[in-house]
Amino acid sequence: MHEVSLAGGILAAVEAAARQDPFARVSRLRLEAGKLAGVEVEALRFALEALAPGSLLAGATIDIEQPDGQAWCLDCSVNVPLLQRGAPCPHCGGFWLQPNGGTELRILDLQVEDH
């Protein structure tokens, strides 16, 4: 389950942010995990909650947004919604698609509490 390593990376990024601009704890963590990012959202949430005790994320509310996937269809030259990798173009039925949205896992923002 790679979500545990992803959660560790998110925690490391939060700790790095605290070193740059010190804060006591995170009260809310807002993430984006696109539907084409290959992330099991509930497993990621579980991993973050498991790592949280004793860290800056202890007690934090974790919100994970899941934007839909988008892809450029090289056959019909349009940007199309893509619900999952391997799905055909909804316009032409072709499979020559280049994902260009909904592929990211990123921290959108943190709400923090000062010391």
PDB file of N, CA and C in Angstrom:
ATOM      1  N   MET A   1       0.862  -1.175   0.000  1.00  0.00           N
ATOM      2  CA  MET A   1       0.000   0.000   0.000  1.00  0.00           C
ATOM      3  C   MET A   1       0.905   1.234   0.000  1.00  0.00           C
ATOM      4  N   HIS A   2       1.006   1.899  -1.143  1.00  0.00           N
ATOM      5  CA  HIS A   2       1.881   3.060  -1.254  1.00  0.00           C
ATOM      6  C   HIS A   2       1.315   4.300  -0.578  1.00  0.00           C
ATOM      7  N   GLU A   3       0.069   4.253  -0.149  1.00  0.00           N
ATOM      8  CA  GLU A   3      -0.527   5.398   0.537  1.00  0.00           C
ATOM      9  C   GLU A   3       0.196   5.709   1.842  1.00  0.00           C
ATOM     10  N   VAL A   4       0.791   4.698   2.489  1.00  0.00           N
ATOM     11  CA  VAL A   4       1.541   4.937   3.725  1.00  0.00           C
ATOM     12  C   VAL A   4       2.765   5.794   3.422  1.00  0.00           C
ATOM     13  N   SER A   5       3.477   5.486   2.331  1.00  0.00           N
ATOM     14  CA  SER A   5       4.640   6.308   1.981  1.00  0.00           C
ATOM     15  C   SER A   5       4.206   7.695   1.524  1.00  0.00           C
ATOM     16  N   LEU A   6       3.062   7.792   0.849  1.00  0.00           N
ATOM     17  CA  LEU A   6       2.538   9.109   0.470  1.00  0.00           C
ATOM     18  C   LEU A   6       2.212   9.931   1.716  1.00  0.00           C
ATOM     19  N   ALA A   7       1.592   9.299   2.700  1.00  0.00           N
ATOM     20  CA  ALA A   7       1.267   9.988   3.951  1.00  0.00           C
ATOM     21  C   ALA A   7       2.536  10.460   4.641  1.00  0.00           C
ATOM     22  N   GLY A   8       3.579   9.627   4.626  1.00  0.00           N
ATOM     23  CA  GLY A   8       4.854  10.033   5.211  1.00  0.00           C
ATOM     24  C   GLY A   8       5.440  11.235   4.497  1.00  0.00           C
ATOM     25  N   GLY A   9       5.309  11.290   3.182  1.00  0.00           N
ATOM     26  CA  GLY A   9       5.784  12.442   2.412  1.00  0.00           C
ATOM     27  C   GLY A   9       4.996  13.695   2.716  1.00  0.00           C
ATOM     28  N   ILE A  10       3.690  13.553   2.902  1.00  0.00           N
ATOM     29  CA  ILE A  10       2.852  14.704   3.252  1.00  0.00           C
ATOM     30  C   ILE A  10       3.248  15.232   4.622  1.00  0.00           C
ATOM     31  N   LEU A  11       3.440  14.325   5.582  1.00  0.00           N
ATOM     32  CA  LEU A  11       3.867  14.740   6.920  1.00  0.00           C
ATOM     33  C   LEU A  11       5.224  15.440   6.855  1.00  0.00           C
ATOM     34  N   ALA A  12       6.143  14.919   6.056  1.00  0.00           N
ATOM     35  CA  ALA A  12       7.459  15.553   5.904  1.00  0.00           C
ATOM     36  C   ALA A  12       7.324  16.957   5.321  1.00  0.00           C
ATOM     37  N   ALA A  13       6.405  17.143   4.363  1.00  0.00           N
ATOM     38  CA  ALA A  13       6.183  18.469   3.779  1.00  0.00           C
ATOM     39  C   ALA A  13       5.600  19.433   4.810  1.00  0.00           C
ATOM     40  N   VAL A  14       4.696  18.942   5.658  1.00  0.00           N
ATOM     41  CA  VAL A  14       4.123  19.765   6.728  1.00  0.00           C
ATOM     42  C   VAL A  14       5.223  20.165   7.714  1.00  0.00           C
ATOM     43  N   GLU A  15       6.081  19.220   8.076  1.00  0.00           N
ATOM     44  CA  GLU A  15       7.175  19.524   8.996  1.00  0.00           C
ATOM     45  C   GLU A  15       8.145  20.534   8.389  1.00  0.00           C
ATOM     46  N   ALA A  16       8.403  20.432   7.098  1.00  0.00           N
ATOM     47  CA  ALA A  16       9.275  21.397   6.413  1.00  0.00           C
ATOM     48  C   ALA A  16       8.644  22.788   6.427  1.00  0.00           C
ATOM     49  N   ALA A  17       7.327  22.852   6.235  1.00  0.00           N
ATOM     50  CA  ALA A  17       6.637  24.143   6.289  1.00  0.00           C
ATOM     51  C   ALA A  17       6.752  24.756   7.678  1.00  0.00           C
ATOM     52  N   ALA A  18       6.680  23.917   8.706  1.00  0.00           N
ATOM     53  CA  ALA A  18       6.788  24.408  10.089  1.00  0.00           C
ATOM     54  C   ALA A  18       8.192  24.908  10.399  1.00  0.00           C
ATOM     55  N   ARG A  19       9.197  24.341   9.760  1.00  0.00           N
ATOM     56  CA  ARG A  19      10.567  24.829   9.960  1.00  0.00           C
ATOM     57  C   ARG A  19      10.761  26.195   9.291  1.00  0.00           C
ATOM     58  N   GLN A  20      10.107  26.418   8.167  1.00  0.00           N
ATOM     59  CA  GLN A  20      10.226  27.697   7.460  1.00  0.00           C
ATOM     60  C   GLN A  20       9.430  28.800   8.125  1.00  0.00           C
ATOM     61  N   ASP A  21       8.235  28.492   8.579  1.00  0.00           N
ATOM     62  CA  ASP A  21       7.346  29.469   9.199  1.00  0.00           C
ATOM     63  C   ASP A  21       6.719  28.781  10.413  1.00  0.00           C
ATOM     64  N   PRO A  22       7.383  28.836  11.568  1.00  0.00           N
ATOM     65  CA  PRO A  22       6.999  28.021  12.720  1.00  0.00           C
ATOM     66  C   PRO A  22       5.524  28.152  13.138  1.00  0.00           C
ATOM     67  N   PHE A  23       4.939  26.988  13.414  1.00  0.00           N
ATOM     68  CA  PHE A  23       3.592  26.911  13.975  1.00  0.00           C
ATOM     69  C   PHE A  23       3.536  25.707  14.898  1.00  0.00           C
ATOM     70  N   ALA A  24       2.522  25.708  15.780  1.00  0.00           N
ATOM     71  CA  ALA A  24       2.420  24.671  16.810  1.00  0.00           C
ATOM     72  C   ALA A  24       1.782  23.388  16.289  1.00  0.00           C
ATOM     73  N   ARG A  25       0.753  23.532  15.479  1.00  0.00           N
ATOM     74  CA  ARG A  25       0.050  22.352  14.968  1.00  0.00           C
ATOM     75  C   ARG A  25      -0.827  22.739  13.792  1.00  0.00           C
ATOM     76  N   VAL A  26      -1.238  21.736  13.051  1.00  0.00           N
ATOM     77  CA  VAL A  26      -2.161  21.917  11.931  1.00  0.00           C
ATOM     78  C   VAL A  26      -3.565  21.614  12.441  1.00  0.00           C
ATOM     79  N   SER A  27      -4.498  22.529  12.219  1.00  0.00           N
ATOM     80  CA  SER A  27      -5.880  22.255  12.606  1.00  0.00           C
ATOM     81  C   SER A  27      -6.676  21.677  11.430  1.00  0.00           C
ATOM     82  N   ARG A  28      -6.257  22.014  10.199  1.00  0.00           N
ATOM     83  CA  ARG A  28      -6.940  21.493   9.009  1.00  0.00           C
ATOM     84  C   ARG A  28      -5.924  21.336   7.890  1.00  0.00           C
ATOM     85  N   LEU A  29      -5.933  20.155   7.279  1.00  0.00           N
ATOM     86  CA  LEU A  29      -5.086  19.847   6.135  1.00  0.00           C
ATOM     87  C   LEU A  29      -6.007  19.586   4.954  1.00  0.00           C
ATOM     88  N   ARG A  30      -5.798  20.325   3.871  1.00  0.00           N
ATOM     89  CA  ARG A  30      -6.635  20.140   2.679  1.00  0.00           C
ATOM     90  C   ARG A  30      -5.745  19.658   1.540  1.00  0.00           C
ATOM     91  N   LEU A  31      -6.091  18.479   1.019  1.00  0.00           N
ATOM     92  CA  LEU A  31      -5.330  17.839  -0.047  1.00  0.00           C
ATOM     93  C   LEU A  31      -6.170  17.730  -1.310  1.00  0.00           C
ATOM     94  N   GLU A  32      -5.477  17.535  -2.420  1.00  0.00           N
ATOM     95  CA  GLU A  32      -6.125  17.212  -3.686  1.00  0.00           C
ATOM     96  C   GLU A  32      -5.516  15.912  -4.176  1.00  0.00           C
ATOM     97  N   ALA A  33      -6.356  14.921  -4.410  1.00  0.00           N
ATOM     98  CA  ALA A  33      -5.931  13.641  -4.983  1.00  0.00           C
ATOM     99  C   ALA A  33      -6.837  13.384  -6.174  1.00  0.00           C
ATOM    100  N   GLY A  34      -6.349  13.732  -7.353  1.00  0.00           N
ATOM    101  CA  GLY A  34      -7.157  13.577  -8.557  1.00  0.00           C
ATOM    102  C   GLY A  34      -7.559  12.134  -8.795  1.00  0.00           C
ATOM    103  N   LYS A  35      -8.663  11.953  -9.480  1.00  0.00           N
ATOM    104  CA  LYS A  35      -9.187  10.609  -9.723  1.00  0.00           C
ATOM    105  C   LYS A  35      -8.265   9.769 -10.595  1.00  0.00           C
ATOM    106  N   LEU A  36      -7.325  10.402 -11.294  1.00  0.00           N
ATOM    107  CA  LEU A  36      -6.358   9.661 -12.103  1.00  0.00           C
ATOM    108  C   LEU A  36      -4.989   9.576 -11.427  1.00  0.00           C
ATOM    109  N   ALA A  37      -4.903   9.964 -10.165  1.00  0.00           N
ATOM    110  CA  ALA A  37      -3.618   9.994  -9.462  1.00  0.00           C
ATOM    111  C   ALA A  37      -3.171   8.621  -8.971  1.00  0.00           C
ATOM    112  N   GLY A  38      -4.055   7.641  -9.004  1.00  0.00           N
ATOM    113  CA  GLY A  38      -3.692   6.311  -8.532  1.00  0.00           C
ATOM    114  C   GLY A  38      -3.597   6.213  -7.023  1.00  0.00           C
ATOM    115  N   VAL A  39      -4.374   7.049  -6.326  1.00  0.00           N
ATOM    116  CA  VAL A  39      -4.359   7.076  -4.866  1.00  0.00           C
ATOM    117  C   VAL A  39      -5.704   6.592  -4.345  1.00  0.00           C
ATOM    118  N   GLU A  40      -5.664   5.634  -3.427  1.00  0.00           N
ATOM    119  CA  GLU A  40      -6.869   5.197  -2.739  1.00  0.00           C
ATOM    120  C   GLU A  40      -7.091   6.176  -1.591  1.00  0.00           C
ATOM    121  N   VAL A  41      -8.083   7.047  -1.744  1.00  0.00           N
ATOM    122  CA  VAL A  41      -8.277   8.170  -0.827  1.00  0.00           C
ATOM    123  C   VAL A  41      -8.521   7.720   0.615  1.00  0.00           C
ATOM    124  N   GLU A  42      -9.333   6.722   0.817  1.00  0.00           N
ATOM    125  CA  GLU A  42      -9.615   6.291   2.189  1.00  0.00           C
ATOM    126  C   GLU A  42      -8.382   5.649   2.833  1.00  0.00           C
ATOM    127  N   ALA A  43      -7.568   4.957   2.043  1.00  0.00           N
ATOM    128  CA  ALA A  43      -6.329   4.390   2.573  1.00  0.00           C
ATOM    129  C   ALA A  43      -5.349   5.512   2.935  1.00  0.00           C
ATOM    130  N   LEU A  44      -5.299   6.570   2.125  1.00  0.00           N
ATOM    131  CA  LEU A  44      -4.447   7.718   2.430  1.00  0.00           C
ATOM    132  C   LEU A  44      -4.911   8.400   3.709  1.00  0.00           C
ATOM    133  N   ARG A  45      -6.218   8.593   3.841  1.00  0.00           N
ATOM    134  CA  ARG A  45      -6.764   9.210   5.058  1.00  0.00           C
ATOM    135  C   ARG A  45      -6.411   8.365   6.287  1.00  0.00           C
ATOM    136  N   PHE A  46      -6.574   7.054   6.176  1.00  0.00           N
ATOM    137  CA  PHE A  46      -6.244   6.146   7.283  1.00  0.00           C
ATOM    138  C   PHE A  46      -4.769   6.252   7.647  1.00  0.00           C
ATOM    139  N   ALA A  47      -3.893   6.272   6.632  1.00  0.00           N
ATOM    140  CA  ALA A  47      -2.455   6.364   6.881  1.00  0.00           C
ATOM    141  C   ALA A  47      -2.094   7.688   7.551  1.00  0.00           C
ATOM    142  N   LEU A  48      -2.701   8.784   7.100  1.00  0.00           N
ATOM    143  CA  LEU A  48      -2.440  10.088   7.725  1.00  0.00           C
ATOM    144  C   LEU A  48      -2.906  10.105   9.173  1.00  0.00           C
ATOM    145  N   GLU A  49      -4.076   9.543   9.423  1.00  0.00           N
ATOM    146  CA  GLU A  49      -4.591   9.500  10.793  1.00  0.00           C
ATOM    147  C   GLU A  49      -3.727   8.601  11.680  1.00  0.00           C
ATOM    148  N   ALA A  50      -3.142   7.552  11.099  1.00  0.00           N
ATOM    149  CA  ALA A  50      -2.267   6.670  11.871  1.00  0.00           C
ATOM    150  C   ALA A  50      -0.944   7.352  12.218  1.00  0.00           C
ATOM    151  N   LEU A  51      -0.442   8.215  11.334  1.00  0.00           N
ATOM    152  CA  LEU A  51       0.808   8.934  11.574  1.00  0.00           C
ATOM    153  C   LEU A  51       0.626  10.183  12.434  1.00  0.00           C
ATOM    154  N   ALA A  52      -0.592  10.665  12.554  1.00  0.00           N
ATOM    155  CA  ALA A  52      -0.859  11.949  13.194  1.00  0.00           C
ATOM    156  C   ALA A  52      -0.498  12.035  14.680  1.00  0.00           C
ATOM    157  N   PRO A  53      -0.797  11.032  15.511  1.00  0.00           N
ATOM    158  CA  PRO A  53      -0.509  11.183  16.945  1.00  0.00           C
ATOM    159  C   PRO A  53       0.960  11.521  17.202  1.00  0.00           C
ATOM    160  N   GLY A  54       1.180  12.563  17.998  1.00  0.00           N
ATOM    161  CA  GLY A  54       2.527  13.002  18.326  1.00  0.00           C
ATOM    162  C   GLY A  54       3.187  13.858  17.249  1.00  0.00           C
ATOM    163  N   SER A  55       2.466  14.142  16.172  1.00  0.00           N
ATOM    164  CA  SER A  55       3.027  14.964  15.096  1.00  0.00           C
ATOM    165  C   SER A  55       2.266  16.282  15.006  1.00  0.00           C
ATOM    166  N   LEU A  56       2.667  17.120  14.082  1.00  0.00           N
ATOM    167  CA  LEU A  56       1.965  18.390  13.846  1.00  0.00           C
ATOM    168  C   LEU A  56       0.543  18.186  13.336  1.00  0.00           C
ATOM    169  N   LEU A  57       0.235  16.980  12.864  1.00  0.00           N
ATOM    170  CA  LEU A  57      -1.106  16.681  12.349  1.00  0.00           C
ATOM    171  C   LEU A  57      -2.051  16.127  13.418  1.00  0.00           C
ATOM    172  N   ALA A  58      -1.581  15.984  14.648  1.00  0.00           N
ATOM    173  CA  ALA A  58      -2.423  15.435  15.718  1.00  0.00           C
ATOM    174  C   ALA A  58      -3.693  16.261  15.868  1.00  0.00           C
ATOM    175  N   GLY A  59      -4.841  15.609  15.720  1.00  0.00           N
ATOM    176  CA  GLY A  59      -6.127  16.277  15.872  1.00  0.00           C
ATOM    177  C   GLY A  59      -6.585  17.079  14.667  1.00  0.00           C
ATOM    178  N   ALA A  60      -5.819  17.068  13.598  1.00  0.00           N
ATOM    179  CA  ALA A  60      -6.175  17.856  12.416  1.00  0.00           C
ATOM    180  C   ALA A  60      -7.352  17.244  11.664  1.00  0.00           C
ATOM    181  N   THR A  61      -8.182  18.102  11.109  1.00  0.00           N
ATOM    182  CA  THR A  61      -9.212  17.674  10.174  1.00  0.00           C
ATOM    183  C   THR A  61      -8.535  17.501   8.825  1.00  0.00           C
ATOM    184  N   ILE A  62      -8.801  16.381   8.173  1.00  0.00           N
ATOM    185  CA  ILE A  62      -8.176  16.101   6.880  1.00  0.00           C
ATOM    186  C   ILE A  62      -9.258  16.080   5.813  1.00  0.00           C
ATOM    187  N   ASP A  63      -9.178  17.032   4.891  1.00  0.00           N
ATOM    188  CA  ASP A  63     -10.115  17.108   3.771  1.00  0.00           C
ATOM    189  C   ASP A  63      -9.366  16.726   2.499  1.00  0.00           C
ATOM    190  N   ILE A  64      -9.940  15.813   1.725  1.00  0.00           N
ATOM    191  CA  ILE A  64      -9.302  15.379   0.483  1.00  0.00           C
ATOM    192  C   ILE A  64     -10.281  15.590  -0.667  1.00  0.00           C
ATOM    193  N   GLU A  65      -9.940  16.516  -1.544  1.00  0.00           N
ATOM    194  CA  GLU A  65     -10.748  16.773  -2.737  1.00  0.00           C
ATOM    195  C   GLU A  65     -10.307  15.823  -3.842  1.00  0.00           C
ATOM    196  N   GLN A  66     -11.252  15.382  -4.666  1.00  0.00           N
ATOM    197  CA  GLN A  66     -10.960  14.454  -5.748  1.00  0.00           C
ATOM    198  C   GLN A  66     -11.455  15.010  -7.085  1.00  0.00           C
ATOM    199  N   PRO A  67     -10.659  15.874  -7.722  1.00  0.00           N
ATOM    200  CA  PRO A  67     -11.109  16.401  -9.004  1.00  0.00           C
ATOM    201  C   PRO A  67     -11.146  15.308 -10.079  1.00  0.00           C
ATOM    202  N   ASP A  68     -12.086  15.435 -10.983  1.00  0.00           N
ATOM    203  CA  ASP A  68     -12.221  14.494 -12.089  1.00  0.00           C
ATOM    204  C   ASP A  68     -10.997  14.541 -12.988  1.00  0.00           C
ATOM    205  N   GLY A  69     -10.781  13.453 -13.680  1.00  0.00           N
ATOM    206  CA  GLY A  69      -9.701  13.395 -14.640  1.00  0.00           C
ATOM    207  C   GLY A  69     -10.068  14.104 -15.932  1.00  0.00           C
ATOM    208  N   GLN A  70      -9.061  14.597 -16.609  1.00  0.00           N
ATOM    209  CA  GLN A  70      -9.204  15.235 -17.924  1.00  0.00           C
ATOM    210  C   GLN A  70      -8.111  14.670 -18.815  1.00  0.00           C
ATOM    211  N   ALA A  71      -8.383  14.598 -20.102  1.00  0.00           N
ATOM    212  CA  ALA A  71      -7.370  14.117 -21.040  1.00  0.00           C
ATOM    213  C   ALA A  71      -7.558  14.797 -22.390  1.00  0.00           C
ATOM    214  N   TRP A  72      -6.456  14.931 -23.098  1.00  0.00           N
ATOM    215  CA  TRP A  72      -6.482  15.446 -24.459  1.00  0.00           C
ATOM    216  C   TRP A  72      -6.570  14.234 -25.379  1.00  0.00           C
ATOM    217  N   CYS A  73      -7.605  14.202 -26.208  1.00  0.00           N
ATOM    218  CA  CYS A  73      -7.759  13.112 -27.163  1.00  0.00           C
ATOM    219  C   CYS A  73      -6.970  13.474 -28.413  1.00  0.00           C
ATOM    220  N   LEU A  74      -5.984  12.668 -28.742  1.00  0.00           N
ATOM    221  CA  LEU A  74      -5.143  12.929 -29.900  1.00  0.00           C
ATOM    222  C   LEU A  74      -5.852  12.555 -31.209  1.00  0.00           C
ATOM    223  N   ASP A  75      -6.928  11.766 -31.121  1.00  0.00           N
ATOM    224  CA  ASP A  75      -7.695  11.418 -32.321  1.00  0.00           C
ATOM    225  C   ASP A  75      -8.659  12.524 -32.731  1.00  0.00           C
ATOM    226  N   CYS A  76      -9.398  13.084 -31.763  1.00  0.00           N
ATOM    227  CA  CYS A  76     -10.402  14.095 -32.131  1.00  0.00           C
ATOM    228  C   CYS A  76     -10.017  15.508 -31.691  1.00  0.00           C
ATOM    229  N   SER A  77      -8.818  15.659 -31.102  1.00  0.00           N
ATOM    230  CA  SER A  77      -8.255  16.983 -30.749  1.00  0.00           C
ATOM    231  C   SER A  77      -9.160  17.813 -29.848  1.00  0.00           C
ATOM    232  N   VAL A  78      -9.662  17.187 -28.791  1.00  0.00           N
ATOM    233  CA  VAL A  78     -10.449  17.907 -27.785  1.00  0.00           C
ATOM    234  C   VAL A  78     -10.046  17.427 -26.394  1.00  0.00           C
ATOM    235  N   ASN A  79     -10.267  18.290 -25.425  1.00  0.00           N
ATOM    236  CA  ASN A  79     -10.072  17.919 -24.028  1.00  0.00           C
ATOM    237  C   ASN A  79     -11.363  17.260 -23.555  1.00  0.00           C
ATOM    238  N   VAL A  80     -11.237  16.080 -22.944  1.00  0.00           N
ATOM    239  CA  VAL A  80     -12.424  15.320 -22.550  1.00  0.00           C
ATOM    240  C   VAL A  80     -12.336  14.905 -21.092  1.00  0.00           C
ATOM    241  N   PRO A  81     -13.486  14.692 -20.448  1.00  0.00           N
ATOM    242  CA  PRO A  81     -13.463  14.141 -19.090  1.00  0.00           C
ATOM    243  C   PRO A  81     -13.047  12.677 -19.166  1.00  0.00           C
ATOM    244  N   LEU A  82     -12.279  12.236 -18.183  1.00  0.00           N
ATOM    245  CA  LEU A  82     -11.813  10.850 -18.154  1.00  0.00           C
ATOM    246  C   LEU A  82     -11.993  10.335 -16.732  1.00  0.00           C
ATOM    247  N   LEU A  83     -12.896   9.373 -16.567  1.00  0.00           N
ATOM    248  CA  LEU A  83     -13.217   8.877 -15.230  1.00  0.00           C
ATOM    249  C   LEU A  83     -12.178   7.912 -14.691  1.00  0.00           C
ATOM    250  N   GLN A  84     -11.477   7.204 -15.574  1.00  0.00           N
ATOM    251  CA  GLN A  84     -10.432   6.287 -15.136  1.00  0.00           C
ATOM    252  C   GLN A  84      -9.453   6.052 -16.267  1.00  0.00           C
ATOM    253  N   ARG A  85      -8.230   5.717 -15.882  1.00  0.00           N
ATOM    254  CA  ARG A  85      -7.214   5.402 -16.892  1.00  0.00           C
ATOM    255  C   ARG A  85      -7.670   4.177 -17.681  1.00  0.00           C
ATOM    256  N   GLY A  86      -7.414   4.194 -18.971  1.00  0.00           N
ATOM    257  CA  GLY A  86      -7.796   3.075 -19.823  1.00  0.00           C
ATOM    258  C   GLY A  86      -9.172   3.202 -20.427  1.00  0.00           C
ATOM    259  N   ALA A  87      -9.948   4.189 -19.989  1.00  0.00           N
ATOM    260  CA  ALA A  87     -11.278   4.403 -20.555  1.00  0.00           C
ATOM    261  C   ALA A  87     -11.141   5.054 -21.937  1.00  0.00           C
ATOM    262  N   PRO A  88     -12.089   4.795 -22.828  1.00  0.00           N
ATOM    263  CA  PRO A  88     -12.027   5.410 -24.159  1.00  0.00           C
ATOM    264  C   PRO A  88     -12.484   6.865 -24.140  1.00  0.00           C
ATOM    265  N   CYS A  89     -12.156   7.575 -25.194  1.00  0.00           N
ATOM    266  CA  CYS A  89     -12.645   8.946 -25.368  1.00  0.00           C
ATOM    267  C   CYS A  89     -14.163   8.914 -25.469  1.00  0.00           C
ATOM    268  N   PRO A  90     -14.850   9.748 -24.691  1.00  0.00           N
ATOM    269  CA  PRO A  90     -16.315   9.757 -24.755  1.00  0.00           C
ATOM    270  C   PRO A  90     -16.854  10.325 -26.071  1.00  0.00           C
ATOM    271  N   HIS A  91     -16.012  11.002 -26.860  1.00  0.00           N
ATOM    272  CA  HIS A  91     -16.462  11.557 -28.141  1.00  0.00           C
ATOM    273  C   HIS A  91     -16.265  10.604 -29.311  1.00  0.00           C
ATOM    274  N   CYS A  92     -15.060  10.048 -29.432  1.00  0.00           N
ATOM    275  CA  CYS A  92     -14.753   9.246 -30.614  1.00  0.00           C
ATOM    276  C   CYS A  92     -14.544   7.764 -30.312  1.00  0.00           C
ATOM    277  N   GLY A  93     -14.450   7.403 -29.030  1.00  0.00           N
ATOM    278  CA  GLY A  93     -14.240   6.010 -28.664  1.00  0.00           C
ATOM    279  C   GLY A  93     -12.794   5.553 -28.765  1.00  0.00           C
ATOM    280  N   GLY A  94     -11.902   6.473 -29.154  1.00  0.00           N
ATOM    281  CA  GLY A  94     -10.494   6.126 -29.286  1.00  0.00           C
ATOM    282  C   GLY A  94      -9.787   6.016 -27.941  1.00  0.00           C
ATOM    283  N   PHE A  95      -8.597   5.445 -27.976  1.00  0.00           N
ATOM    284  CA  PHE A  95      -7.830   5.244 -26.750  1.00  0.00           C
ATOM    285  C   PHE A  95      -6.519   6.010 -26.755  1.00  0.00           C
ATOM    286  N   TRP A  96      -6.350   6.931 -27.678  1.00  0.00           N
ATOM    287  CA  TRP A  96      -5.115   7.697 -27.761  1.00  0.00           C
ATOM    288  C   TRP A  96      -5.309   8.978 -26.961  1.00  0.00           C
ATOM    289  N   LEU A  97      -5.217   8.863 -25.640  1.00  0.00           N
ATOM    290  CA  LEU A  97      -5.527   9.948 -24.716  1.00  0.00           C
ATOM    291  C   LEU A  97      -4.307  10.310 -23.878  1.00  0.00           C
ATOM    292  N   GLN A  98      -4.105  11.598 -23.692  1.00  0.00           N
ATOM    293  CA  GLN A  98      -3.015  12.093 -22.847  1.00  0.00           C
ATOM    294  C   GLN A  98      -3.630  12.767 -21.618  1.00  0.00           C
ATOM    295  N   PRO A  99      -3.584  12.109 -20.440  1.00  0.00           N
ATOM    296  CA  PRO A  99      -4.149  12.745 -19.239  1.00  0.00           C
ATOM    297  C   PRO A  99      -3.477  14.097 -18.971  1.00  0.00           C
ATOM    298  N   ASN A 100      -4.292  15.098 -18.626  1.00  0.00           N
ATOM    299  CA  ASN A 100      -3.767  16.433 -18.337  1.00  0.00           C
ATOM    300  C   ASN A 100      -4.458  17.100 -17.160  1.00  0.00           C
ATOM    301  N   GLY A 101      -5.198  16.349 -16.403  1.00  0.00           N
ATOM    302  CA  GLY A 101      -5.853  16.886 -15.210  1.00  0.00           C
ATOM    303  C   GLY A 101      -6.360  15.756 -14.341  1.00  0.00           C
ATOM    304  N   GLY A 102      -6.411  16.013 -13.045  1.00  0.00           N
ATOM    305  CA  GLY A 102      -6.869  14.988 -12.118  1.00  0.00           C
ATOM    306  C   GLY A 102      -5.820  13.929 -11.844  1.00  0.00           C
ATOM    307  N   THR A 103      -4.555  14.253 -12.134  1.00  0.00           N
ATOM    308  CA  THR A 103      -3.466  13.297 -11.942  1.00  0.00           C
ATOM    309  C   THR A 103      -2.596  13.635 -10.736  1.00  0.00           C
ATOM    310  N   GLU A 104      -2.866  14.750 -10.080  1.00  0.00           N
ATOM    311  CA  GLU A 104      -1.991  15.259  -9.030  1.00  0.00           C
ATOM    312  C   GLU A 104      -2.408  14.796  -7.639  1.00  0.00           C
ATOM    313  N   LEU A 105      -1.401  14.675  -6.792  1.00  0.00           N
ATOM    314  CA  LEU A 105      -1.607  14.588  -5.354  1.00  0.00           C
ATOM    315  C   LEU A 105      -0.831  15.757  -4.792  1.00  0.00           C
ATOM    316  N   ARG A 106      -1.521  16.683  -4.149  1.00  0.00           N
ATOM    317  CA  ARG A 106      -0.826  17.854  -3.621  1.00  0.00           C
ATOM    318  C   ARG A 106      -1.541  18.417  -2.404  1.00  0.00           C
ATOM    319  N   ILE A 107      -0.747  19.141  -1.615  1.00  0.00           N
ATOM    320  CA  ILE A 107      -1.294  19.866  -0.467  1.00  0.00           C
ATOM    321  C   ILE A 107      -1.842  21.179  -0.998  1.00  0.00           C
ATOM    322  N   LEU A 108      -3.120  21.427  -0.781  1.00  0.00           N
ATOM    323  CA  LEU A 108      -3.726  22.686  -1.211  1.00  0.00           C
ATOM    324  C   LEU A 108      -3.471  23.783  -0.194  1.00  0.00           C
ATOM    325  N   ASP A 109      -3.736  23.482   1.081  1.00  0.00           N
ATOM    326  CA  ASP A 109      -3.460  24.470   2.127  1.00  0.00           C
ATOM    327  C   ASP A 109      -3.512  23.833   3.503  1.00  0.00           C
ATOM    328  N   LEU A 110      -2.978  24.573   4.437  1.00  0.00           N
ATOM    329  CA  LEU A 110      -2.947  24.191   5.848  1.00  0.00           C
ATOM    330  C   LEU A 110      -3.569  25.317   6.663  1.00  0.00           C
ATOM    331  N   GLN A 111      -4.395  24.972   7.622  1.00  0.00           N
ATOM    332  CA  GLN A 111      -4.792  25.940   8.633  1.00  0.00           C
ATOM    333  C   GLN A 111      -3.999  25.543   9.871  1.00  0.00           C
ATOM    334  N   VAL A 112      -3.273  26.511  10.410  1.00  0.00           N
ATOM    335  CA  VAL A 112      -2.353  26.195  11.507  1.00  0.00           C
ATOM    336  C   VAL A 112      -2.667  27.036  12.727  1.00  0.00           C
ATOM    337  N   GLU A 113      -2.142  26.587  13.861  1.00  0.00           N
ATOM    338  CA  GLU A 113      -2.248  27.324  15.115  1.00  0.00           C
ATOM    339  C   GLU A 113      -0.845  27.717  15.554  1.00  0.00           C
ATOM    340  N   ASP A 114      -0.702  28.954  15.978  1.00  0.00           N
ATOM    341  CA  ASP A 114       0.594  29.451  16.448  1.00  0.00           C
ATOM    342  C   ASP A 114       0.922  28.855  17.810  1.00  0.00           C
ATOM    343  N   HIS A 115       2.172  29.041  18.175  1.00  0.00           N
ATOM    344  CA  HIS A 115       2.667  28.531  19.466  1.00  0.00           C
ATOM    345  C   HIS A 115       1.907  29.094  20.620  1.00  0.00           C
TER     346      HIS A 115
END
